[in-house]
Structures are given as structure tokens and as C-alpha cells.
Amino acid sequence: MWLSPFVVRAREMLPLAEIYVYEDDYTKQIDGFIGLNNDYIEGLFVKETMQSKGIGKQLINHVKKVKSILKLSVYQKNEKATKFYLREKFSIQSETVDDNTGEKEFVMVWRR
């Protein structure tokens, strides 16, 4: 069996996080998931072929019903993700540098 990076990443996160998945009703394929560690979004992943179809928004909306505050970090150069989170009512709380990569990132927060 061959595992895509999408599935491998999910398996790495499963023991460590609260995971919510988006499964296509027709194909029964998992097209996206979001992983939380308490109120911190560890990752939001949507298959590349399924991006810009509202899956990320549905996942975010679901966890907004479960949590009253959400936090995350996103690389500043990832403009598409930054715009997505701003559109979803997250605000930039601070700017920092990822110690592992040296990349500048935004720390973003959403509150109910």
C-alpha cells in the first residue's frame, strides 16, 4: 500500500491531536482534516485537488462551534493561508520567527 504525504501527516498527528475530518459523502474519501491541540490549530490540510471548494471553511466553522478561542501560526510568505484566516475572522496577534525553519510567521487568534 502506498500512502500519500497527506495520509502520512494525518497519522503523525493522530496520537497528538484532536482530529476532525472532511469526508466526501459520495466517494467516501477524506479530502481534508484539521488537528487541534487544545485551542491551537496544529494544522489544516485539504487535498490539493480539493482546495478552494469550501472544505477548509467547513472545517474551521466546525471547530469554531467546539472551541471559544482558536490560535495558530502561519508563515508570512503563505499569503493564501493568511488571507483565508483573516477572511475567517482570525486576527494577527503577533509576529515571530519559527525556530526550526527561520521563517517569519504570524500568530493568529480567533475568539467567539
PDB file of N, CA and C in Angstrom:
ATOM      1  N   MET A   1       0.846  -1.172   0.000  1.00  0.00           N
ATOM      2  CA  MET A   1       0.000   0.000   0.000  1.00  0.00           C
ATOM      3  C   MET A   1       0.892   1.236   0.000  1.00  0.00           C
ATOM      4  N   TRP A   2       0.555   2.211  -0.831  1.00  0.00           N
ATOM      5  CA  TRP A   2       1.271   3.481  -0.908  1.00  0.00           C
ATOM      6  C   TRP A   2       0.486   4.523  -0.139  1.00  0.00           C
ATOM      7  N   LEU A   3       1.149   5.287   0.733  1.00  0.00           N
ATOM      8  CA  LEU A   3       0.496   6.341   1.496  1.00  0.00           C
ATOM      9  C   LEU A   3       0.951   7.699   0.988  1.00  0.00           C
ATOM     10  N   SER A   4      -0.001   8.527   0.676  1.00  0.00           N
ATOM     11  CA  SER A   4       0.345   9.876   0.234  1.00  0.00           C
ATOM     12  C   SER A   4       0.866  10.674   1.419  1.00  0.00           C
ATOM     13  N   PRO A   5       1.590  11.772   1.180  1.00  0.00           N
ATOM     14  CA  PRO A   5       2.054  12.622   2.280  1.00  0.00           C
ATOM     15  C   PRO A   5       0.888  13.112   3.135  1.00  0.00           C
ATOM     16  N   PHE A   6      -0.259  13.316   2.524  1.00  0.00           N
ATOM     17  CA  PHE A   6      -1.469  13.750   3.217  1.00  0.00           C
ATOM     18  C   PHE A   6      -1.834  12.751   4.316  1.00  0.00           C
ATOM     19  N   VAL A   7      -1.849  11.468   3.970  1.00  0.00           N
ATOM     20  CA  VAL A   7      -2.212  10.423   4.929  1.00  0.00           C
ATOM     21  C   VAL A   7      -1.116  10.235   5.968  1.00  0.00           C
ATOM     22  N   VAL A   8       0.128  10.283   5.544  1.00  0.00           N
ATOM     23  CA  VAL A   8       1.245  10.123   6.478  1.00  0.00           C
ATOM     24  C   VAL A   8       1.202  11.234   7.522  1.00  0.00           C
ATOM     25  N   ARG A   9       0.978  12.468   7.109  1.00  0.00           N
ATOM     26  CA  ARG A   9       0.908  13.596   8.044  1.00  0.00           C
ATOM     27  C   ARG A   9      -0.240  13.386   9.032  1.00  0.00           C
ATOM     28  N   ALA A  10      -1.373  12.895   8.542  1.00  0.00           N
ATOM     29  CA  ALA A  10      -2.513  12.636   9.418  1.00  0.00           C
ATOM     30  C   ALA A  10      -2.145  11.601  10.475  1.00  0.00           C
ATOM     31  N   ARG A  11      -1.467  10.551  10.077  1.00  0.00           N
ATOM     32  CA  ARG A  11      -1.081   9.507  11.030  1.00  0.00           C
ATOM     33  C   ARG A  11      -0.105  10.025  12.070  1.00  0.00           C
ATOM     34  N   GLU A  12       0.780  10.951  11.666  1.00  0.00           N
ATOM     35  CA  GLU A  12       1.706  11.538  12.633  1.00  0.00           C
ATOM     36  C   GLU A  12       0.958  12.368  13.659  1.00  0.00           C
ATOM     37  N   MET A  13      -0.097  13.048  13.240  1.00  0.00           N
ATOM     38  CA  MET A  13      -0.836  13.951  14.116  1.00  0.00           C
ATOM     39  C   MET A  13      -1.849  13.226  14.995  1.00  0.00           C
ATOM     40  N   LEU A  14      -2.385  12.117  14.546  1.00  0.00           N
ATOM     41  CA  LEU A  14      -3.481  11.462  15.254  1.00  0.00           C
ATOM     42  C   LEU A  14      -3.219  11.200  16.732  1.00  0.00           C
ATOM     43  N   PRO A  15      -2.069  10.665  17.110  1.00  0.00           N
ATOM     44  CA  PRO A  15      -1.874  10.397  18.539  1.00  0.00           C
ATOM     45  C   PRO A  15      -1.732  11.668  19.375  1.00  0.00           C
ATOM     46  N   LEU A  16      -1.449  12.782  18.740  1.00  0.00           N
ATOM     47  CA  LEU A  16      -1.119  14.001  19.466  1.00  0.00           C
ATOM     48  C   LEU A  16      -2.225  15.042  19.485  1.00  0.00           C
ATOM     49  N   ALA A  17      -3.258  14.874  18.666  1.00  0.00           N
ATOM     50  CA  ALA A  17      -4.210  15.961  18.499  1.00  0.00           C
ATOM     51  C   ALA A  17      -5.648  15.453  18.394  1.00  0.00           C
ATOM     52  N   GLU A  18      -6.545  16.389  18.558  1.00  0.00           N
ATOM     53  CA  GLU A  18      -7.966  16.176  18.327  1.00  0.00           C
ATOM     54  C   GLU A  18      -8.159  16.412  16.827  1.00  0.00           C
ATOM     55  N   ILE A  19      -8.645  15.425  16.103  1.00  0.00           N
ATOM     56  CA  ILE A  19      -8.713  15.499  14.646  1.00  0.00           C
ATOM     57  C   ILE A  19     -10.168  15.502  14.177  1.00  0.00           C
ATOM     58  N   TYR A  20     -10.471  16.409  13.259  1.00  0.00           N
ATOM     59  CA  TYR A  20     -11.770  16.435  12.583  1.00  0.00           C
ATOM     60  C   TYR A  20     -11.500  16.287  11.099  1.00  0.00           C
ATOM     61  N   VAL A  21     -12.265  15.411  10.450  1.00  0.00           N
ATOM     62  CA  VAL A  21     -12.033  15.148   9.036  1.00  0.00           C
ATOM     63  C   VAL A  21     -13.227  15.567   8.195  1.00  0.00           C
ATOM     64  N   TYR A  22     -12.934  15.895   6.947  1.00  0.00           N
ATOM     65  CA  TYR A  22     -13.966  16.141   5.947  1.00  0.00           C
ATOM     66  C   TYR A  22     -13.949  14.954   5.009  1.00  0.00           C
ATOM     67  N   GLU A  23     -15.062  14.236   4.966  1.00  0.00           N
ATOM     68  CA  GLU A  23     -15.181  13.077   4.091  1.00  0.00           C
ATOM     69  C   GLU A  23     -16.248  13.367   3.048  1.00  0.00           C
ATOM     70  N   ASP A  24     -15.911  13.132   1.786  1.00  0.00           N
ATOM     71  CA  ASP A  24     -16.863  13.316   0.705  1.00  0.00           C
ATOM     72  C   ASP A  24     -17.970  12.269   0.837  1.00  0.00           C
ATOM     73  N   ASP A  25     -19.225  12.723   0.859  1.00  0.00           N
ATOM     74  CA  ASP A  25     -20.355  11.806   1.036  1.00  0.00           C
ATOM     75  C   ASP A  25     -20.459  10.784  -0.090  1.00  0.00           C
ATOM     76  N   TYR A  26     -20.085  11.184  -1.295  1.00  0.00           N
ATOM     77  CA  TYR A  26     -20.227  10.300  -2.453  1.00  0.00           C
ATOM     78  C   TYR A  26     -19.064   9.319  -2.573  1.00  0.00           C
ATOM     79  N   THR A  27     -17.830   9.830  -2.531  1.00  0.00           N
ATOM     80  CA  THR A  27     -16.655   8.974  -2.754  1.00  0.00           C
ATOM     81  C   THR A  27     -16.178   8.290  -1.480  1.00  0.00           C
ATOM     82  N   LYS A  28     -16.609   8.795  -0.331  1.00  0.00           N
ATOM     83  CA  LYS A  28     -16.158   8.289   0.976  1.00  0.00           C
ATOM     84  C   LYS A  28     -14.649   8.480   1.176  1.00  0.00           C
ATOM     85  N   GLN A  29     -14.068   9.432   0.447  1.00  0.00           N
ATOM     86  CA  GLN A  29     -12.656   9.768   0.573  1.00  0.00           C
ATOM     87  C   GLN A  29     -12.497  10.939   1.545  1.00  0.00           C
ATOM     88  N   ILE A  30     -11.445  10.902   2.348  1.00  0.00           N
ATOM     89  CA  ILE A  30     -11.123  12.032   3.216  1.00  0.00           C
ATOM     90  C   ILE A  30     -10.395  13.067   2.375  1.00  0.00           C
ATOM     91  N   ASP A  31     -11.004  14.246   2.260  1.00  0.00           N
ATOM     92  CA  ASP A  31     -10.436  15.310   1.438  1.00  0.00           C
ATOM     93  C   ASP A  31      -9.757  16.393   2.258  1.00  0.00           C
ATOM     94  N   GLY A  32      -9.916  16.347   3.574  1.00  0.00           N
ATOM     95  CA  GLY A  32      -9.271  17.341   4.415  1.00  0.00           C
ATOM     96  C   GLY A  32      -9.416  16.986   5.878  1.00  0.00           C
ATOM     97  N   PHE A  33      -8.578  17.619   6.696  1.00  0.00           N
ATOM     98  CA  PHE A  33      -8.698  17.444   8.141  1.00  0.00           C
ATOM     99  C   PHE A  33      -8.062  18.618   8.853  1.00  0.00           C
ATOM    100  N   ILE A  34      -8.471  18.783  10.097  1.00  0.00           N
ATOM    101  CA  ILE A  34      -7.898  19.814  10.954  1.00  0.00           C
ATOM    102  C   ILE A  34      -7.504  19.146  12.257  1.00  0.00           C
ATOM    103  N   GLY A  35      -6.334  19.492  12.756  1.00  0.00           N
ATOM    104  CA  GLY A  35      -5.834  18.921  14.008  1.00  0.00           C
ATOM    105  C   GLY A  35      -5.665  19.999  15.052  1.00  0.00           C
ATOM    106  N   LEU A  36      -6.221  19.749  16.230  1.00  0.00           N
ATOM    107  CA  LEU A  36      -6.154  20.698  17.331  1.00  0.00           C
ATOM    108  C   LEU A  36      -5.404  20.108  18.504  1.00  0.00           C
ATOM    109  N   ASN A  37      -4.653  20.946  19.171  1.00  0.00           N
ATOM    110  CA  ASN A  37      -4.029  20.621  20.440  1.00  0.00           C
ATOM    111  C   ASN A  37      -4.582  21.653  21.416  1.00  0.00           C
ATOM    112  N   ASN A  38      -5.609  21.269  22.166  1.00  0.00           N
ATOM    113  CA  ASN A  38      -6.388  22.198  22.984  1.00  0.00           C
ATOM    114  C   ASN A  38      -7.015  23.248  22.072  1.00  0.00           C
ATOM    115  N   ASP A  39      -6.609  24.518  22.183  1.00  0.00           N
ATOM    116  CA  ASP A  39      -7.190  25.553  21.322  1.00  0.00           C
ATOM    117  C   ASP A  39      -6.237  25.957  20.186  1.00  0.00           C
ATOM    118  N   TYR A  40      -5.156  25.237  20.017  1.00  0.00           N
ATOM    119  CA  TYR A  40      -4.158  25.552  18.984  1.00  0.00           C
ATOM    120  C   TYR A  40      -4.379  24.671  17.760  1.00  0.00           C
ATOM    121  N   ILE A  41      -4.508  25.301  16.606  1.00  0.00           N
ATOM    122  CA  ILE A  41      -4.653  24.556  15.360  1.00  0.00           C
ATOM    123  C   ILE A  41      -3.258  24.117  14.919  1.00  0.00           C
ATOM    124  N   GLU A  42      -2.987  22.830  15.056  1.00  0.00           N
ATOM    125  CA  GLU A  42      -1.692  22.273  14.656  1.00  0.00           C
ATOM    126  C   GLU A  42      -1.571  22.233  13.140  1.00  0.00           C
ATOM    127  N   GLY A  43      -2.686  22.042  12.459  1.00  0.00           N
ATOM    128  CA  GLY A  43      -2.655  22.004  11.007  1.00  0.00           C
ATOM    129  C   GLY A  43      -4.045  21.897  10.423  1.00  0.00           C
ATOM    130  N   LEU A  44      -4.193  22.502   9.265  1.00  0.00           N
ATOM    131  CA  LEU A  44      -5.407  22.400   8.465  1.00  0.00           C
ATOM    132  C   LEU A  44      -4.937  21.966   7.089  1.00  0.00           C
ATOM    133  N   PHE A  45      -5.374  20.790   6.677  1.00  0.00           N
ATOM    134  CA  PHE A  45      -4.909  20.222   5.422  1.00  0.00           C
ATOM    135  C   PHE A  45      -6.085  19.873   4.535  1.00  0.00           C
ATOM    136  N   VAL A  46      -6.011  20.304   3.282  1.00  0.00           N
ATOM    137  CA  VAL A  46      -7.004  19.951   2.278  1.00  0.00           C
ATOM    138  C   VAL A  46      -6.233  19.456   1.062  1.00  0.00           C
ATOM    139  N   LYS A  47      -6.674  18.306   0.509  1.00  0.00           N
ATOM    140  CA  LYS A  47      -6.017  17.782  -0.689  1.00  0.00           C
ATOM    141  C   LYS A  47      -5.913  18.880  -1.732  1.00  0.00           C
ATOM    142  N   GLU A  48      -4.784  18.934  -2.397  1.00  0.00           N
ATOM    143  CA  GLU A  48      -4.545  20.000  -3.375  1.00  0.00           C
ATOM    144  C   GLU A  48      -5.655  20.069  -4.418  1.00  0.00           C
ATOM    145  N   THR A  49      -6.112  18.912  -4.875  1.00  0.00           N
ATOM    146  CA  THR A  49      -7.159  18.888  -5.912  1.00  0.00           C
ATOM    147  C   THR A  49      -8.516  19.325  -5.382  1.00  0.00           C
ATOM    148  N   MET A  50      -8.658  19.435  -4.070  1.00  0.00           N
ATOM    149  CA  MET A  50      -9.941  19.795  -3.466  1.00  0.00           C
ATOM    150  C   MET A  50      -9.923  21.188  -2.834  1.00  0.00           C
ATOM    151  N   GLN A  51      -8.817  21.906  -2.994  1.00  0.00           N
ATOM    152  CA  GLN A  51      -8.716  23.238  -2.408  1.00  0.00           C
ATOM    153  C   GLN A  51      -9.619  24.218  -3.147  1.00  0.00           C
ATOM    154  N   SER A  52     -10.003  25.276  -2.450  1.00  0.00           N
ATOM    155  CA  SER A  52     -10.883  26.340  -2.965  1.00  0.00           C
ATOM    156  C   SER A  52     -12.288  25.830  -3.271  1.00  0.00           C
ATOM    157  N   LYS A  53     -12.723  24.815  -2.527  1.00  0.00           N
ATOM    158  CA  LYS A  53     -14.083  24.278  -2.682  1.00  0.00           C
ATOM    159  C   LYS A  53     -14.875  24.394  -1.381  1.00  0.00           C
ATOM    160  N   GLY A  54     -14.342  25.145  -0.416  1.00  0.00           N
ATOM    161  CA  GLY A  54     -15.058  25.378   0.832  1.00  0.00           C
ATOM    162  C   GLY A  54     -14.793  24.364   1.930  1.00  0.00           C
ATOM    163  N   ILE A  55     -13.899  23.406   1.697  1.00  0.00           N
ATOM    164  CA  ILE A  55     -13.638  22.371   2.695  1.00  0.00           C
ATOM    165  C   ILE A  55     -12.939  22.955   3.919  1.00  0.00           C
ATOM    166  N   GLY A  56     -11.936  23.779   3.713  1.00  0.00           N
ATOM    167  CA  GLY A  56     -11.232  24.408   4.830  1.00  0.00           C
ATOM    168  C   GLY A  56     -12.176  25.258   5.666  1.00  0.00           C
ATOM    169  N   LYS A  57     -13.046  26.001   5.007  1.00  0.00           N
ATOM    170  CA  LYS A  57     -14.026  26.838   5.701  1.00  0.00           C
ATOM    171  C   LYS A  57     -14.961  25.974   6.536  1.00  0.00           C
ATOM    172  N   GLN A  58     -15.410  24.844   5.996  1.00  0.00           N
ATOM    173  CA  GLN A  58     -16.295  23.958   6.757  1.00  0.00           C
ATOM    174  C   GLN A  58     -15.585  23.397   7.986  1.00  0.00           C
ATOM    175  N   LEU A  59     -14.318  23.025   7.823  1.00  0.00           N
ATOM    176  CA  LEU A  59     -13.561  22.505   8.962  1.00  0.00           C
ATOM    177  C   LEU A  59     -13.377  23.576  10.036  1.00  0.00           C
ATOM    178  N   ILE A  60     -13.026  24.784   9.617  1.00  0.00           N
ATOM    179  CA  ILE A  60     -12.858  25.896  10.568  1.00  0.00           C
ATOM    180  C   ILE A  60     -14.187  26.182  11.271  1.00  0.00           C
ATOM    181  N   ASN A  61     -15.272  26.236  10.513  1.00  0.00           N
ATOM    182  CA  ASN A  61     -16.574  26.519  11.114  1.00  0.00           C
ATOM    183  C   ASN A  61     -16.953  25.455  12.141  1.00  0.00           C
ATOM    184  N   HIS A  62     -16.610  24.216  11.864  1.00  0.00           N
ATOM    185  CA  HIS A  62     -16.922  23.150  12.814  1.00  0.00           C
ATOM    186  C   HIS A  62     -16.167  23.345  14.129  1.00  0.00           C
ATOM    187  N   VAL A  63     -14.871  23.617  14.063  1.00  0.00           N
ATOM    188  CA  VAL A  63     -14.117  23.764  15.308  1.00  0.00           C
ATOM    189  C   VAL A  63     -14.488  25.055  16.042  1.00  0.00           C
ATOM    190  N   LYS A  64     -14.986  26.053  15.314  1.00  0.00           N
ATOM    191  CA  LYS A  64     -15.477  27.268  15.978  1.00  0.00           C
ATOM    192  C   LYS A  64     -16.692  26.956  16.852  1.00  0.00           C
ATOM    193  N   LYS A  65     -17.450  25.922  16.495  1.00  0.00           N
ATOM    194  CA  LYS A  65     -18.600  25.513  17.313  1.00  0.00           C
ATOM    195  C   LYS A  65     -18.151  24.782  18.574  1.00  0.00           C
ATOM    196  N   VAL A  66     -16.976  24.166  18.509  1.00  0.00           N
ATOM    197  CA  VAL A  66     -16.462  23.348  19.603  1.00  0.00           C
ATOM    198  C   VAL A  66     -15.610  24.165  20.569  1.00  0.00           C
ATOM    199  N   LYS A  67     -14.928  25.164  20.061  1.00  0.00           N
ATOM    200  CA  LYS A  67     -13.984  25.961  20.858  1.00  0.00           C
ATOM    201  C   LYS A  67     -14.432  27.425  20.908  1.00  0.00           C
ATOM    202  N   SER A  68     -14.070  28.117  21.970  1.00  0.00           N
ATOM    203  CA  SER A  68     -14.400  29.543  22.057  1.00  0.00           C
ATOM    204  C   SER A  68     -13.213  30.423  21.669  1.00  0.00           C
ATOM    205  N   ILE A  69     -12.040  29.823  21.587  1.00  0.00           N
ATOM    206  CA  ILE A  69     -10.843  30.528  21.135  1.00  0.00           C
ATOM    207  C   ILE A  69     -10.009  29.554  20.318  1.00  0.00           C
ATOM    208  N   LEU A  70      -9.423  30.051  19.238  1.00  0.00           N
ATOM    209  CA  LEU A  70      -8.530  29.252  18.392  1.00  0.00           C
ATOM    210  C   LEU A  70      -7.285  30.066  18.110  1.00  0.00           C
ATOM    211  N   LYS A  71      -6.151  29.398  18.125  1.00  0.00           N
ATOM    212  CA  LYS A  71      -4.870  30.040  17.836  1.00  0.00           C
ATOM    213  C   LYS A  71      -4.149  29.224  16.777  1.00  0.00           C
ATOM    214  N   LEU A  72      -3.265  29.870  16.034  1.00  0.00           N
ATOM    215  CA  LEU A  72      -2.451  29.172  15.044  1.00  0.00           C
ATOM    216  C   LEU A  72      -1.268  30.041  14.662  1.00  0.00           C
ATOM    217  N   SER A  73      -0.317  29.425  13.990  1.00  0.00           N
ATOM    218  CA  SER A  73       0.813  30.148  13.406  1.00  0.00           C
ATOM    219  C   SER A  73       0.817  29.849  11.918  1.00  0.00           C
ATOM    220  N   VAL A  74       1.121  30.869  11.120  1.00  0.00           N
ATOM    221  CA  VAL A  74       1.165  30.700   9.667  1.00  0.00           C
ATOM    222  C   VAL A  74       2.349  31.493   9.133  1.00  0.00           C
ATOM    223  N   TYR A  75       3.080  30.891   8.196  1.00  0.00           N
ATOM    224  CA  TYR A  75       4.211  31.608   7.604  1.00  0.00           C
ATOM    225  C   TYR A  75       3.717  32.857   6.888  1.00  0.00           C
ATOM    226  N   GLN A  76       4.418  33.975   7.099  1.00  0.00           N
ATOM    227  CA  GLN A  76       4.025  35.233   6.473  1.00  0.00           C
ATOM    228  C   GLN A  76       4.027  35.137   4.952  1.00  0.00           C
ATOM    229  N   LYS A  77       4.942  34.339   4.404  1.00  0.00           N
ATOM    230  CA  LYS A  77       5.009  34.231   2.943  1.00  0.00           C
ATOM    231  C   LYS A  77       3.851  33.410   2.370  1.00  0.00           C
ATOM    232  N   ASN A  78       3.098  32.717   3.221  1.00  0.00           N
ATOM    233  CA  ASN A  78       1.950  31.941   2.772  1.00  0.00           C
ATOM    234  C   ASN A  78       0.737  32.877   2.731  1.00  0.00           C
ATOM    235  N   GLU A  79       0.715  33.738   1.719  1.00  0.00           N
ATOM    236  CA  GLU A  79      -0.315  34.766   1.607  1.00  0.00           C
ATOM    237  C   GLU A  79      -1.710  34.179   1.462  1.00  0.00           C
ATOM    238  N   LYS A  80      -1.821  33.073   0.747  1.00  0.00           N
ATOM    239  CA  LYS A  80      -3.134  32.446   0.546  1.00  0.00           C
ATOM    240  C   LYS A  80      -3.727  32.014   1.888  1.00  0.00           C
ATOM    241  N   ALA A  81      -2.916  31.372   2.738  1.00  0.00           N
ATOM    242  CA  ALA A  81      -3.395  30.930   4.043  1.00  0.00           C
ATOM    243  C   ALA A  81      -3.702  32.122   4.941  1.00  0.00           C
ATOM    244  N   THR A  82      -2.836  33.127   4.930  1.00  0.00           N
ATOM    245  CA  THR A  82      -3.059  34.311   5.757  1.00  0.00           C
ATOM    246  C   THR A  82      -4.378  34.982   5.385  1.00  0.00           C
ATOM    247  N   LYS A  83      -4.624  35.152   4.088  1.00  0.00           N
ATOM    248  CA  LYS A  83      -5.884  35.764   3.634  1.00  0.00           C
ATOM    249  C   LYS A  83      -7.076  34.908   4.051  1.00  0.00           C
ATOM    250  N   PHE A  84      -6.930  33.584   3.955  1.00  0.00           N
ATOM    251  CA  PHE A  84      -8.003  32.679   4.359  1.00  0.00           C
ATOM    252  C   PHE A  84      -8.354  32.898   5.828  1.00  0.00           C
ATOM    253  N   TYR A  85      -7.358  32.887   6.704  1.00  0.00           N
ATOM    254  CA  TYR A  85      -7.627  33.036   8.132  1.00  0.00           C
ATOM    255  C   TYR A  85      -8.178  34.422   8.464  1.00  0.00           C
ATOM    256  N   LEU A  86      -7.689  35.459   7.800  1.00  0.00           N
ATOM    257  CA  LEU A  86      -8.245  36.794   8.020  1.00  0.00           C
ATOM    258  C   LEU A  86      -9.712  36.833   7.596  1.00  0.00           C
ATOM    259  N   ARG A  87     -10.036  36.202   6.473  1.00  0.00           N
ATOM    260  CA  ARG A  87     -11.415  36.114   5.998  1.00  0.00           C
ATOM    261  C   ARG A  87     -12.303  35.370   7.001  1.00  0.00           C
ATOM    262  N   GLU A  88     -11.704  34.431   7.716  1.00  0.00           N
ATOM    263  CA  GLU A  88     -12.439  33.627   8.704  1.00  0.00           C
ATOM    264  C   GLU A  88     -12.426  34.279  10.090  1.00  0.00           C
ATOM    265  N   LYS A  89     -12.101  35.574  10.128  1.00  0.00           N
ATOM    266  CA  LYS A  89     -12.180  36.386  11.350  1.00  0.00           C
ATOM    267  C   LYS A  89     -11.086  36.111  12.376  1.00  0.00           C
ATOM    268  N   PHE A  90      -9.954  35.553  11.937  1.00  0.00           N
ATOM    269  CA  PHE A  90      -8.782  35.474  12.796  1.00  0.00           C
ATOM    270  C   PHE A  90      -8.080  36.820  12.716  1.00  0.00           C
ATOM    271  N   SER A  91      -7.416  37.219  13.778  1.00  0.00           N
ATOM    272  CA  SER A  91      -6.648  38.463  13.747  1.00  0.00           C
ATOM    273  C   SER A  91      -5.188  38.143  14.056  1.00  0.00           C
ATOM    274  N   ILE A  92      -4.321  38.969  13.530  1.00  0.00           N
ATOM    275  CA  ILE A  92      -2.892  38.791  13.777  1.00  0.00           C
ATOM    276  C   ILE A  92      -2.590  39.323  15.170  1.00  0.00           C
ATOM    277  N   GLN A  93      -2.114  38.433  16.026  1.00  0.00           N
ATOM    278  CA  GLN A  93      -1.807  38.803  17.405  1.00  0.00           C
ATOM    279  C   GLN A  93      -0.366  39.280  17.531  1.00  0.00           C
ATOM    280  N   SER A  94       0.540  38.599  16.788  1.00  0.00           N
ATOM    281  CA  SER A  94       1.946  38.973  16.851  1.00  0.00           C
ATOM    282  C   SER A  94       2.690  38.391  15.659  1.00  0.00           C
ATOM    283  N   GLU A  95       3.932  38.816  15.522  1.00  0.00           N
ATOM    284  CA  GLU A  95       4.825  38.271  14.505  1.00  0.00           C
ATOM    285  C   GLU A  95       5.996  37.634  15.226  1.00  0.00           C
ATOM    286  N   THR A  96       6.468  36.530  14.687  1.00  0.00           N
ATOM    287  CA  THR A  96       7.580  35.815  15.305  1.00  0.00           C
ATOM    288  C   THR A  96       8.379  35.111  14.222  1.00  0.00           C
ATOM    289  N   VAL A  97       9.397  34.372  14.639  1.00  0.00           N
ATOM    290  CA  VAL A  97      10.211  33.582  13.715  1.00  0.00           C
ATOM    291  C   VAL A  97      10.170  32.131  14.187  1.00  0.00           C
ATOM    292  N   ASP A  98       9.882  31.226  13.271  1.00  0.00           N
ATOM    293  CA  ASP A  98       9.874  29.795  13.577  1.00  0.00           C
ATOM    294  C   ASP A  98      11.306  29.365  13.865  1.00  0.00           C
ATOM    295  N   ASP A  99      11.548  28.860  15.065  1.00  0.00           N
ATOM    296  CA  ASP A  99      12.896  28.464  15.474  1.00  0.00           C
ATOM    297  C   ASP A  99      13.465  27.343  14.605  1.00  0.00           C
ATOM    298  N   ASN A 100      12.595  26.462  14.114  1.00  0.00           N
ATOM    299  CA  ASN A 100      13.063  25.318  13.315  1.00  0.00           C
ATOM    300  C   ASN A 100      13.426  25.685  11.888  1.00  0.00           C
ATOM    301  N   THR A 101      12.715  26.659  11.315  1.00  0.00           N
ATOM    302  CA  THR A 101      12.926  26.974   9.893  1.00  0.00           C
ATOM    303  C   THR A 101      13.518  28.350   9.651  1.00  0.00           C
ATOM    304  N   GLY A 102      13.449  29.226  10.642  1.00  0.00           N
ATOM    305  CA  GLY A 102      13.904  30.596  10.445  1.00  0.00           C
ATOM    306  C   GLY A 102      12.911  31.450   9.675  1.00  0.00           C
ATOM    307  N   GLU A 103      11.733  30.897   9.374  1.00  0.00           N
ATOM    308  CA  GLU A 103      10.705  31.622   8.618  1.00  0.00           C
ATOM    309  C   GLU A 103       9.941  32.570   9.527  1.00  0.00           C
ATOM    310  N   LYS A 104       9.632  33.755   8.998  1.00  0.00           N
ATOM    311  CA  LYS A 104       8.777  34.695   9.714  1.00  0.00           C
ATOM    312  C   LYS A 104       7.351  34.161   9.665  1.00  0.00           C
ATOM    313  N   GLU A 105       6.650  34.302  10.800  1.00  0.00           N
ATOM    314  CA  GLU A 105       5.276  33.827  10.840  1.00  0.00           C
ATOM    315  C   GLU A 105       4.392  34.768  11.639  1.00  0.00           C
ATOM    316  N   PHE A 106       3.093  34.682  11.366  1.00  0.00           N
ATOM    317  CA  PHE A 106       2.097  35.402  12.134  1.00  0.00           C
ATOM    318  C   PHE A 106       1.500  34.437  13.153  1.00  0.00           C
ATOM    319  N   VAL A 107       1.283  34.918  14.359  1.00  0.00           N
ATOM    320  CA  VAL A 107       0.484  34.202  15.340  1.00  0.00           C
ATOM    321  C   VAL A 107      -0.900  34.830  15.247  1.00  0.00           C
ATOM    322  N   MET A 108      -1.907  33.990  14.951  1.00  0.00           N
ATOM    323  CA  MET A 108      -3.255  34.483  14.721  1.00  0.00           C
ATOM    324  C   MET A 108      -4.220  33.885  15.737  1.00  0.00           C
ATOM    325  N   VAL A 109      -5.260  34.654  16.061  1.00  0.00           N
ATOM    326  CA  VAL A 109      -6.227  34.238  17.066  1.00  0.00           C
ATOM    327  C   VAL A 109      -7.643  34.549  16.599  1.00  0.00           C
ATOM    328  N   TRP A 110      -8.552  33.642  16.931  1.00  0.00           N
ATOM    329  CA  TRP A 110      -9.990  33.862  16.737  1.00  0.00           C
ATOM    330  C   TRP A 110     -10.662  33.682  18.093  1.00  0.00           C
ATOM    331  N   ARG A 111     -11.604  34.583  18.405  1.00  0.00           N
ATOM    332  CA  ARG A 111     -12.387  34.470  19.629  1.00  0.00           C
ATOM    333  C   ARG A 111     -13.866  34.572  19.285  1.00  0.00           C
ATOM    334  N   ARG A 112     -14.658  33.726  19.946  1.00  0.00           N
ATOM    335  CA  ARG A 112     -16.102  33.735  19.725  1.00  0.00           C
ATOM    336  C   ARG A 112     -16.696  35.040  20.197  1.00  0.00           C
TER     337      ARG A 112
END
